PDB file of all heavy atoms in Angstrom:
ATOM      1  N   THR A   1       3.093 -25.340  -2.185  1.00  0.00           N
ATOM      2  CA  THR A   1       4.305 -25.941  -1.662  1.00  0.00           C
ATOM      3  C   THR A   1       5.526 -25.359  -2.368  1.00  0.00           C
ATOM      4  O   THR A   1       5.476 -25.059  -3.559  1.00  0.00           O
ATOM      5  CB  THR A   1       4.269 -27.465  -1.861  1.00  0.00           C
ATOM      6  OG1 THR A   1       3.167 -28.012  -1.139  1.00  0.00           O
ATOM      7  CG2 THR A   1       5.548 -28.115  -1.369  1.00  0.00           C
ATOM      8  N   LEU A   2       6.596 -25.202  -1.620  1.00  0.00           N
ATOM      9  CA  LEU A   2       7.878 -24.813  -2.194  1.00  0.00           C
ATOM     10  C   LEU A   2       8.904 -25.866  -1.809  1.00  0.00           C
ATOM     11  O   LEU A   2       9.280 -25.965  -0.638  1.00  0.00           O
ATOM     12  CB  LEU A   2       8.311 -23.437  -1.691  1.00  0.00           C
ATOM     13  CG  LEU A   2       9.573 -22.871  -2.338  1.00  0.00           C
ATOM     14  CD1 LEU A   2       9.319 -22.538  -3.809  1.00  0.00           C
ATOM     15  CD2 LEU A   2      10.059 -21.633  -1.596  1.00  0.00           C
ATOM     16  N   GLN A   3       9.320 -26.644  -2.786  1.00  0.00           N
ATOM     17  CA  GLN A   3      10.383 -27.616  -2.583  1.00  0.00           C
ATOM     18  C   GLN A   3      11.716 -26.922  -2.815  1.00  0.00           C
ATOM     19  O   GLN A   3      11.954 -26.376  -3.895  1.00  0.00           O
ATOM     20  CB  GLN A   3      10.223 -28.800  -3.530  1.00  0.00           C
ATOM     21  CG  GLN A   3      11.316 -29.854  -3.402  1.00  0.00           C
ATOM     22  CD  GLN A   3      11.276 -30.566  -2.078  1.00  0.00           C
ATOM     23  OE1 GLN A   3      10.218 -30.987  -1.633  1.00  0.00           O
ATOM     24  NE2 GLN A   3      12.426 -30.693  -1.430  1.00  0.00           N
ATOM     25  N   MET A   4      12.579 -26.957  -1.824  1.00  0.00           N
ATOM     26  CA  MET A   4      13.847 -26.247  -1.847  1.00  0.00           C
ATOM     27  C   MET A   4      14.976 -27.266  -1.765  1.00  0.00           C
ATOM     28  O   MET A   4      15.118 -27.960  -0.761  1.00  0.00           O
ATOM     29  CB  MET A   4      13.935 -25.274  -0.677  1.00  0.00           C
ATOM     30  CG  MET A   4      12.717 -24.356  -0.553  1.00  0.00           C
ATOM     31  SD  MET A   4      12.610 -23.523   1.054  1.00  0.00           S
ATOM     32  CE  MET A   4      14.062 -22.489   0.981  1.00  0.00           C
ATOM     33  N   ASN A   5      15.772 -27.338  -2.814  1.00  0.00           N
ATOM     34  CA  ASN A   5      16.889 -28.275  -2.876  1.00  0.00           C
ATOM     35  C   ASN A   5      18.201 -27.520  -3.021  1.00  0.00           C
ATOM     36  O   ASN A   5      18.234 -26.349  -3.385  1.00  0.00           O
ATOM     37  CB  ASN A   5      16.718 -29.237  -4.047  1.00  0.00           C
ATOM     38  CG  ASN A   5      15.486 -30.092  -3.943  1.00  0.00           C
ATOM     39  OD1 ASN A   5      15.080 -30.491  -2.847  1.00  0.00           O
ATOM     40  ND2 ASN A   5      14.880 -30.403  -5.084  1.00  0.00           N
ATOM     41  N   SER A   6      19.284 -28.223  -2.766  1.00  0.00           N
ATOM     42  CA  SER A   6      20.627 -27.658  -2.915  1.00  0.00           C
ATOM     43  C   SER A   6      20.750 -26.318  -2.211  1.00  0.00           C
ATOM     44  O   SER A   6      21.260 -25.343  -2.771  1.00  0.00           O
ATOM     45  CB  SER A   6      20.977 -27.536  -4.402  1.00  0.00           C
ATOM     46  OG  SER A   6      20.917 -28.788  -5.048  1.00  0.00           O
ATOM     47  N   LEU A   7      20.322 -26.274  -0.985  1.00  0.00           N
ATOM     48  CA  LEU A   7      20.256 -25.013  -0.259  1.00  0.00           C
ATOM     49  C   LEU A   7      21.648 -24.447   0.022  1.00  0.00           C
ATOM     50  O   LEU A   7      22.599 -25.191   0.266  1.00  0.00           O
ATOM     51  CB  LEU A   7      19.486 -25.195   1.040  1.00  0.00           C
ATOM     52  CG  LEU A   7      17.977 -25.347   0.833  1.00  0.00           C
ATOM     53  CD1 LEU A   7      17.329 -25.962   2.065  1.00  0.00           C
ATOM     54  CD2 LEU A   7      17.342 -23.998   0.506  1.00  0.00           C
ATOM     55  N   ILE A   8      21.720 -23.132  -0.025  1.00  0.00           N
ATOM     56  CA  ILE A   8      22.950 -22.395   0.230  1.00  0.00           C
ATOM     57  C   ILE A   8      22.680 -21.351   1.306  1.00  0.00           C
ATOM     58  O   ILE A   8      21.521 -20.996   1.557  1.00  0.00           O
ATOM     59  CB  ILE A   8      23.485 -21.736  -1.057  1.00  0.00           C
ATOM     60  CG1 ILE A   8      22.448 -20.782  -1.662  1.00  0.00           C
ATOM     61  CG2 ILE A   8      23.877 -22.801  -2.074  1.00  0.00           C
ATOM     62  CD1 ILE A   8      22.935 -20.038  -2.886  1.00  0.00           C
ATOM     63  N   PRO A   9      23.717 -20.828   1.946  1.00  0.00           N
ATOM     64  CA  PRO A   9      23.476 -19.859   3.023  1.00  0.00           C
ATOM     65  C   PRO A   9      22.659 -18.647   2.608  1.00  0.00           C
ATOM     66  O   PRO A   9      21.921 -18.096   3.431  1.00  0.00           O
ATOM     67  CB  PRO A   9      24.889 -19.470   3.459  1.00  0.00           C
ATOM     68  CG  PRO A   9      25.702 -20.680   3.164  1.00  0.00           C
ATOM     69  CD  PRO A   9      25.133 -21.225   1.889  1.00  0.00           C
ATOM     70  N   GLU A  10      22.779 -18.234   1.363  1.00  0.00           N
ATOM     71  CA  GLU A  10      22.022 -17.088   0.868  1.00  0.00           C
ATOM     72  C   GLU A  10      20.520 -17.326   0.843  1.00  0.00           C
ATOM     73  O   GLU A  10      19.749 -16.379   0.681  1.00  0.00           O
ATOM     74  CB  GLU A  10      22.511 -16.694  -0.525  1.00  0.00           C
ATOM     75  CG  GLU A  10      23.908 -16.071  -0.549  1.00  0.00           C
ATOM     76  CD  GLU A  10      25.031 -17.082  -0.392  1.00  0.00           C
ATOM     77  OE1 GLU A  10      24.783 -18.309  -0.507  1.00  0.00           O
ATOM     78  OE2 GLU A  10      26.177 -16.658  -0.155  1.00  0.00           O
ATOM     79  N   ASP A  11      20.096 -18.568   0.990  1.00  0.00           N
ATOM     80  CA  ASP A  11      18.676 -18.878   1.069  1.00  0.00           C
ATOM     81  C   ASP A  11      18.099 -18.620   2.453  1.00  0.00           C
ATOM     82  O   ASP A  11      16.876 -18.712   2.636  1.00  0.00           O
ATOM     83  CB  ASP A  11      18.423 -20.333   0.687  1.00  0.00           C
ATOM     84  CG  ASP A  11      18.790 -20.645  -0.752  1.00  0.00           C
ATOM     85  OD1 ASP A  11      18.549 -19.788  -1.629  1.00  0.00           O
ATOM     86  OD2 ASP A  11      19.313 -21.749  -0.999  1.00  0.00           O
ATOM     87  N   THR A  12      18.928 -18.336   3.422  1.00  0.00           N
ATOM     88  CA  THR A  12      18.450 -18.050   4.773  1.00  0.00           C
ATOM     89  C   THR A  12      17.533 -16.829   4.755  1.00  0.00           C
ATOM     90  O   THR A  12      17.911 -15.761   4.279  1.00  0.00           O
ATOM     91  CB  THR A  12      19.626 -17.808   5.713  1.00  0.00           C
ATOM     92  OG1 THR A  12      20.404 -19.009   5.815  1.00  0.00           O
ATOM     93  CG2 THR A  12      19.145 -17.418   7.102  1.00  0.00           C
ATOM     94  N   ALA A  13      16.325 -16.994   5.263  1.00  0.00           N
ATOM     95  CA  ALA A  13      15.333 -15.926   5.240  1.00  0.00           C
ATOM     96  C   ALA A  13      14.068 -16.424   5.914  1.00  0.00           C
ATOM     97  O   ALA A  13      13.931 -17.610   6.220  1.00  0.00           O
ATOM     98  CB  ALA A  13      15.017 -15.500   3.801  1.00  0.00           C
ATOM     99  N   VAL A  14      13.146 -15.504   6.121  1.00  0.00           N
ATOM    100  CA  VAL A  14      11.778 -15.872   6.459  1.00  0.00           C
ATOM    101  C   VAL A  14      11.006 -15.967   5.150  1.00  0.00           C
ATOM    102  O   VAL A  14      11.036 -15.037   4.339  1.00  0.00           O
ATOM    103  CB  VAL A  14      11.122 -14.865   7.405  1.00  0.00           C
ATOM    104  CG1 VAL A  14       9.674 -15.260   7.694  1.00  0.00           C
ATOM    105  CG2 VAL A  14      11.914 -14.782   8.708  1.00  0.00           C
ATOM    106  N   TYR A  15      10.322 -17.067   4.955  1.00  0.00           N
ATOM    107  CA  TYR A  15       9.594 -17.321   3.725  1.00  0.00           C
ATOM    108  C   TYR A  15       8.097 -17.152   3.947  1.00  0.00           C
ATOM    109  O   TYR A  15       7.543 -17.644   4.932  1.00  0.00           O
ATOM    110  CB  TYR A  15       9.887 -18.736   3.217  1.00  0.00           C
ATOM    111  CG  TYR A  15      11.248 -18.853   2.575  1.00  0.00           C
ATOM    112  CD1 TYR A  15      12.402 -18.843   3.355  1.00  0.00           C
ATOM    113  CD2 TYR A  15      11.384 -18.950   1.193  1.00  0.00           C
ATOM    114  CE1 TYR A  15      13.657 -18.925   2.777  1.00  0.00           C
ATOM    115  CE2 TYR A  15      12.631 -19.039   0.604  1.00  0.00           C
ATOM    116  CZ  TYR A  15      13.768 -19.028   1.399  1.00  0.00           C
ATOM    117  OH  TYR A  15      15.017 -19.118   0.812  1.00  0.00           O
ATOM    118  N   TYR A  16       7.455 -16.476   3.009  1.00  0.00           N
ATOM    119  CA  TYR A  16       6.037 -16.185   3.061  1.00  0.00           C
ATOM    120  C   TYR A  16       5.370 -16.618   1.760  1.00  0.00           C
ATOM    121  O   TYR A  16       5.964 -16.509   0.688  1.00  0.00           O
ATOM    122  CB  TYR A  16       5.783 -14.684   3.212  1.00  0.00           C
ATOM    123  CG  TYR A  16       6.408 -14.039   4.414  1.00  0.00           C
ATOM    124  CD1 TYR A  16       7.706 -13.560   4.376  1.00  0.00           C
ATOM    125  CD2 TYR A  16       5.681 -13.883   5.589  1.00  0.00           C
ATOM    126  CE1 TYR A  16       8.281 -12.947   5.477  1.00  0.00           C
ATOM    127  CE2 TYR A  16       6.240 -13.274   6.693  1.00  0.00           C
ATOM    128  CZ  TYR A  16       7.543 -12.806   6.631  1.00  0.00           C
ATOM    129  OH  TYR A  16       8.102 -12.192   7.727  1.00  0.00           O
ATOM    130  N   CYS A  17       4.131 -17.045   1.851  1.00  0.00           N
ATOM    131  CA  CYS A  17       3.326 -17.207   0.650  1.00  0.00           C
ATOM    132  C   CYS A  17       2.312 -16.081   0.573  1.00  0.00           C
ATOM    133  O   CYS A  17       1.996 -15.429   1.573  1.00  0.00           O
ATOM    134  CB  CYS A  17       2.636 -18.571   0.613  1.00  0.00           C
ATOM    135  SG  CYS A  17       1.354 -18.827   1.859  1.00  0.00           S
ATOM    136  N   ASN A  18       1.809 -15.849  -0.630  1.00  0.00           N
ATOM    137  CA  ASN A  18       0.794 -14.824  -0.810  1.00  0.00           C
ATOM    138  C   ASN A  18       0.176 -14.969  -2.191  1.00  0.00           C
ATOM    139  O   ASN A  18       0.764 -15.570  -3.089  1.00  0.00           O
ATOM    140  CB  ASN A  18       1.380 -13.422  -0.658  1.00  0.00           C
ATOM    141  CG  ASN A  18       0.368 -12.411  -0.138  1.00  0.00           C
ATOM    142  OD1 ASN A  18      -0.849 -12.629  -0.225  1.00  0.00           O
ATOM    143  ND2 ASN A  18       0.855 -11.307   0.389  1.00  0.00           N
ATOM    144  N   ALA A  19      -1.007 -14.421  -2.336  1.00  0.00           N
ATOM    145  CA  ALA A  19      -1.597 -14.147  -3.635  1.00  0.00           C
ATOM    146  C   ALA A  19      -1.249 -12.713  -3.964  1.00  0.00           C
ATOM    147  O   ALA A  19      -1.672 -11.801  -3.250  1.00  0.00           O
ATOM    148  CB  ALA A  19      -3.110 -14.347  -3.603  1.00  0.00           C
ATOM    149  N   PRO A  20      -0.469 -12.477  -5.015  1.00  0.00           N
ATOM    150  CA  PRO A  20      -0.002 -11.105  -5.269  1.00  0.00           C
ATOM    151  C   PRO A  20      -1.112 -10.071  -5.376  1.00  0.00           C
ATOM    152  O   PRO A  20      -0.904  -8.916  -4.984  1.00  0.00           O
ATOM    153  CB  PRO A  20       0.760 -11.251  -6.590  1.00  0.00           C
ATOM    154  CG  PRO A  20       1.277 -12.656  -6.564  1.00  0.00           C
ATOM    155  CD  PRO A  20       0.174 -13.445  -5.915  1.00  0.00           C
ATOM    156  N   SER A  21      -2.276 -10.457  -5.870  1.00  0.00           N
ATOM    157  CA  SER A  21      -3.371  -9.502  -6.003  1.00  0.00           C
ATOM    158  C   SER A  21      -4.076  -9.208  -4.687  1.00  0.00           C
ATOM    159  O   SER A  21      -4.846  -8.243  -4.605  1.00  0.00           O
ATOM    160  CB  SER A  21      -4.388 -10.000  -7.026  1.00  0.00           C
ATOM    161  OG  SER A  21      -4.983 -11.212  -6.604  1.00  0.00           O
ATOM    162  N   LEU A  22      -3.839 -10.008  -3.664  1.00  0.00           N
ATOM    163  CA  LEU A  22      -4.490  -9.809  -2.372  1.00  0.00           C
ATOM    164  C   LEU A  22      -3.561  -9.178  -1.348  1.00  0.00           C
ATOM    165  O   LEU A  22      -4.001  -8.387  -0.521  1.00  0.00           O
ATOM    166  CB  LEU A  22      -5.006 -11.141  -1.830  1.00  0.00           C
ATOM    167  CG  LEU A  22      -6.087 -11.830  -2.654  1.00  0.00           C
ATOM    168  CD1 LEU A  22      -6.469 -13.155  -2.008  1.00  0.00           C
ATOM    169  CD2 LEU A  22      -7.308 -10.940  -2.807  1.00  0.00           C
ATOM    170  N   SER A  23      -2.315  -9.551  -1.355  1.00  0.00           N
ATOM    171  CA  SER A  23      -1.297  -8.981  -0.483  1.00  0.00           C
ATOM    172  C   SER A  23      -1.695  -9.059   0.990  1.00  0.00           C
ATOM    173  O   SER A  23      -1.749  -8.054   1.695  1.00  0.00           O
ATOM    174  CB  SER A  23      -0.995  -7.533  -0.880  1.00  0.00           C
ATOM    175  OG  SER A  23       0.156  -7.056  -0.195  1.00  0.00           O
ATOM    176  N   VAL A  24      -1.985 -10.263   1.436  1.00  0.00           N
ATOM    177  CA  VAL A  24      -2.227 -10.538   2.845  1.00  0.00           C
ATOM    178  C   VAL A  24      -1.169 -11.524   3.300  1.00  0.00           C
ATOM    179  O   VAL A  24      -1.003 -12.585   2.699  1.00  0.00           O
ATOM    180  CB  VAL A  24      -3.639 -11.100   3.088  1.00  0.00           C
ATOM    181  CG1 VAL A  24      -3.814 -11.495   4.546  1.00  0.00           C
ATOM    182  CG2 VAL A  24      -4.686 -10.072   2.689  1.00  0.00           C
ATOM    183  N   TRP A  25      -0.481 -11.176   4.372  1.00  0.00           N
ATOM    184  CA  TRP A  25       0.694 -11.922   4.790  1.00  0.00           C
ATOM    185  C   TRP A  25       0.449 -12.713   6.060  1.00  0.00           C
ATOM    186  O   TRP A  25      -0.193 -12.237   6.990  1.00  0.00           O
ATOM    187  CB  TRP A  25       1.871 -10.965   5.001  1.00  0.00           C
ATOM    188  CG  TRP A  25       2.174 -10.179   3.772  1.00  0.00           C
ATOM    189  CD1 TRP A  25       1.712  -8.936   3.453  1.00  0.00           C
ATOM    190  CD2 TRP A  25       2.973 -10.606   2.668  1.00  0.00           C
ATOM    191  NE1 TRP A  25       2.180  -8.556   2.222  1.00  0.00           N
ATOM    192  CE2 TRP A  25       2.956  -9.549   1.724  1.00  0.00           C
ATOM    193  CE3 TRP A  25       3.709 -11.758   2.398  1.00  0.00           C
ATOM    194  CZ2 TRP A  25       3.647  -9.636   0.517  1.00  0.00           C
ATOM    195  CZ3 TRP A  25       4.386 -11.845   1.197  1.00  0.00           C
ATOM    196  CH2 TRP A  25       4.359 -10.790   0.279  1.00  0.00           C
ATOM    197  N   GLY A  26       0.964 -13.917   6.078  1.00  0.00           N
ATOM    198  CA  GLY A  26       0.951 -14.722   7.283  1.00  0.00           C
ATOM    199  C   GLY A  26       2.167 -14.445   8.138  1.00  0.00           C
ATOM    200  O   GLY A  26       2.843 -13.419   7.997  1.00  0.00           O
ATOM    201  N   GLN A  27       2.457 -15.364   9.040  1.00  0.00           N
ATOM    202  CA  GLN A  27       3.573 -15.174   9.963  1.00  0.00           C
ATOM    203  C   GLN A  27       4.911 -15.559   9.354  1.00  0.00           C
ATOM    204  O   GLN A  27       5.962 -15.221   9.902  1.00  0.00           O
ATOM    205  CB  GLN A  27       3.335 -15.977  11.243  1.00  0.00           C
ATOM    206  CG  GLN A  27       3.728 -17.448  11.174  1.00  0.00           C
ATOM    207  CD  GLN A  27       2.764 -18.316  10.377  1.00  0.00           C
ATOM    208  OE1 GLN A  27       1.726 -17.861   9.899  1.00  0.00           O
ATOM    209  NE2 GLN A  27       3.117 -19.589  10.222  1.00  0.00           N
ATOM    210  N   GLY A  28       4.890 -16.265   8.255  1.00  0.00           N
ATOM    211  CA  GLY A  28       6.106 -16.735   7.626  1.00  0.00           C
ATOM    212  C   GLY A  28       6.687 -17.947   8.326  1.00  0.00           C
ATOM    213  O   GLY A  28       6.269 -18.331   9.415  1.00  0.00           O
ATOM    214  N   THR A  29       7.670 -18.545   7.678  1.00  0.00           N
ATOM    215  CA  THR A  29       8.385 -19.665   8.273  1.00  0.00           C
ATOM    216  C   THR A  29       9.876 -19.460   8.051  1.00  0.00           C
ATOM    217  O   THR A  29      10.314 -19.106   6.952  1.00  0.00           O
ATOM    218  CB  THR A  29       7.882 -21.013   7.706  1.00  0.00           C
ATOM    219  OG1 THR A  29       8.494 -22.094   8.410  1.00  0.00           O
ATOM    220  CG2 THR A  29       8.151 -21.138   6.213  1.00  0.00           C
ATOM    221  N   GLN A  30      10.650 -19.651   9.101  1.00  0.00           N
ATOM    222  CA  GLN A  30      12.072 -19.340   9.078  1.00  0.00           C
ATOM    223  C   GLN A  30      12.872 -20.484   8.473  1.00  0.00           C
ATOM    224  O   GLN A  30      12.699 -21.644   8.847  1.00  0.00           O
ATOM    225  CB  GLN A  30      12.567 -19.080  10.505  1.00  0.00           C
ATOM    226  CG  GLN A  30      14.072 -18.835  10.613  1.00  0.00           C
ATOM    227  CD  GLN A  30      14.457 -17.465  10.142  1.00  0.00           C
ATOM    228  OE1 GLN A  30      13.952 -16.461  10.663  1.00  0.00           O
ATOM    229  NE2 GLN A  30      15.339 -17.387   9.154  1.00  0.00           N
ATOM    230  N   VAL A  31      13.754 -20.132   7.559  1.00  0.00           N
ATOM    231  CA  VAL A  31      14.697 -21.079   6.983  1.00  0.00           C
ATOM    232  C   VAL A  31      16.104 -20.586   7.290  1.00  0.00           C
ATOM    233  O   VAL A  31      16.443 -19.439   6.998  1.00  0.00           O
ATOM    234  CB  VAL A  31      14.505 -21.215   5.464  1.00  0.00           C
ATOM    235  CG1 VAL A  31      15.625 -22.048   4.842  1.00  0.00           C
ATOM    236  CG2 VAL A  31      13.149 -21.832   5.160  1.00  0.00           C
ATOM    237  N   VAL A  32      16.908 -21.450   7.875  1.00  0.00           N
ATOM    238  CA  VAL A  32      18.306 -21.139   8.160  1.00  0.00           C
ATOM    239  C   VAL A  32      19.172 -22.215   7.525  1.00  0.00           C
ATOM    240  O   VAL A  32      18.998 -23.405   7.825  1.00  0.00           O
ATOM    241  CB  VAL A  32      18.583 -21.057   9.663  1.00  0.00           C
ATOM    242  CG1 VAL A  32      20.064 -20.795   9.919  1.00  0.00           C
ATOM    243  CG2 VAL A  32      17.728 -19.977  10.302  1.00  0.00           C
TER     244      VAL A  32
END
């Protein structure tokens, strides 16, 4: 889980999770 507080416009992005050693990517989730 990523709890995101005090959001600012610079946080706008597609967010992805991953295990760095595996590097397999999902579809992401859009934050605006």
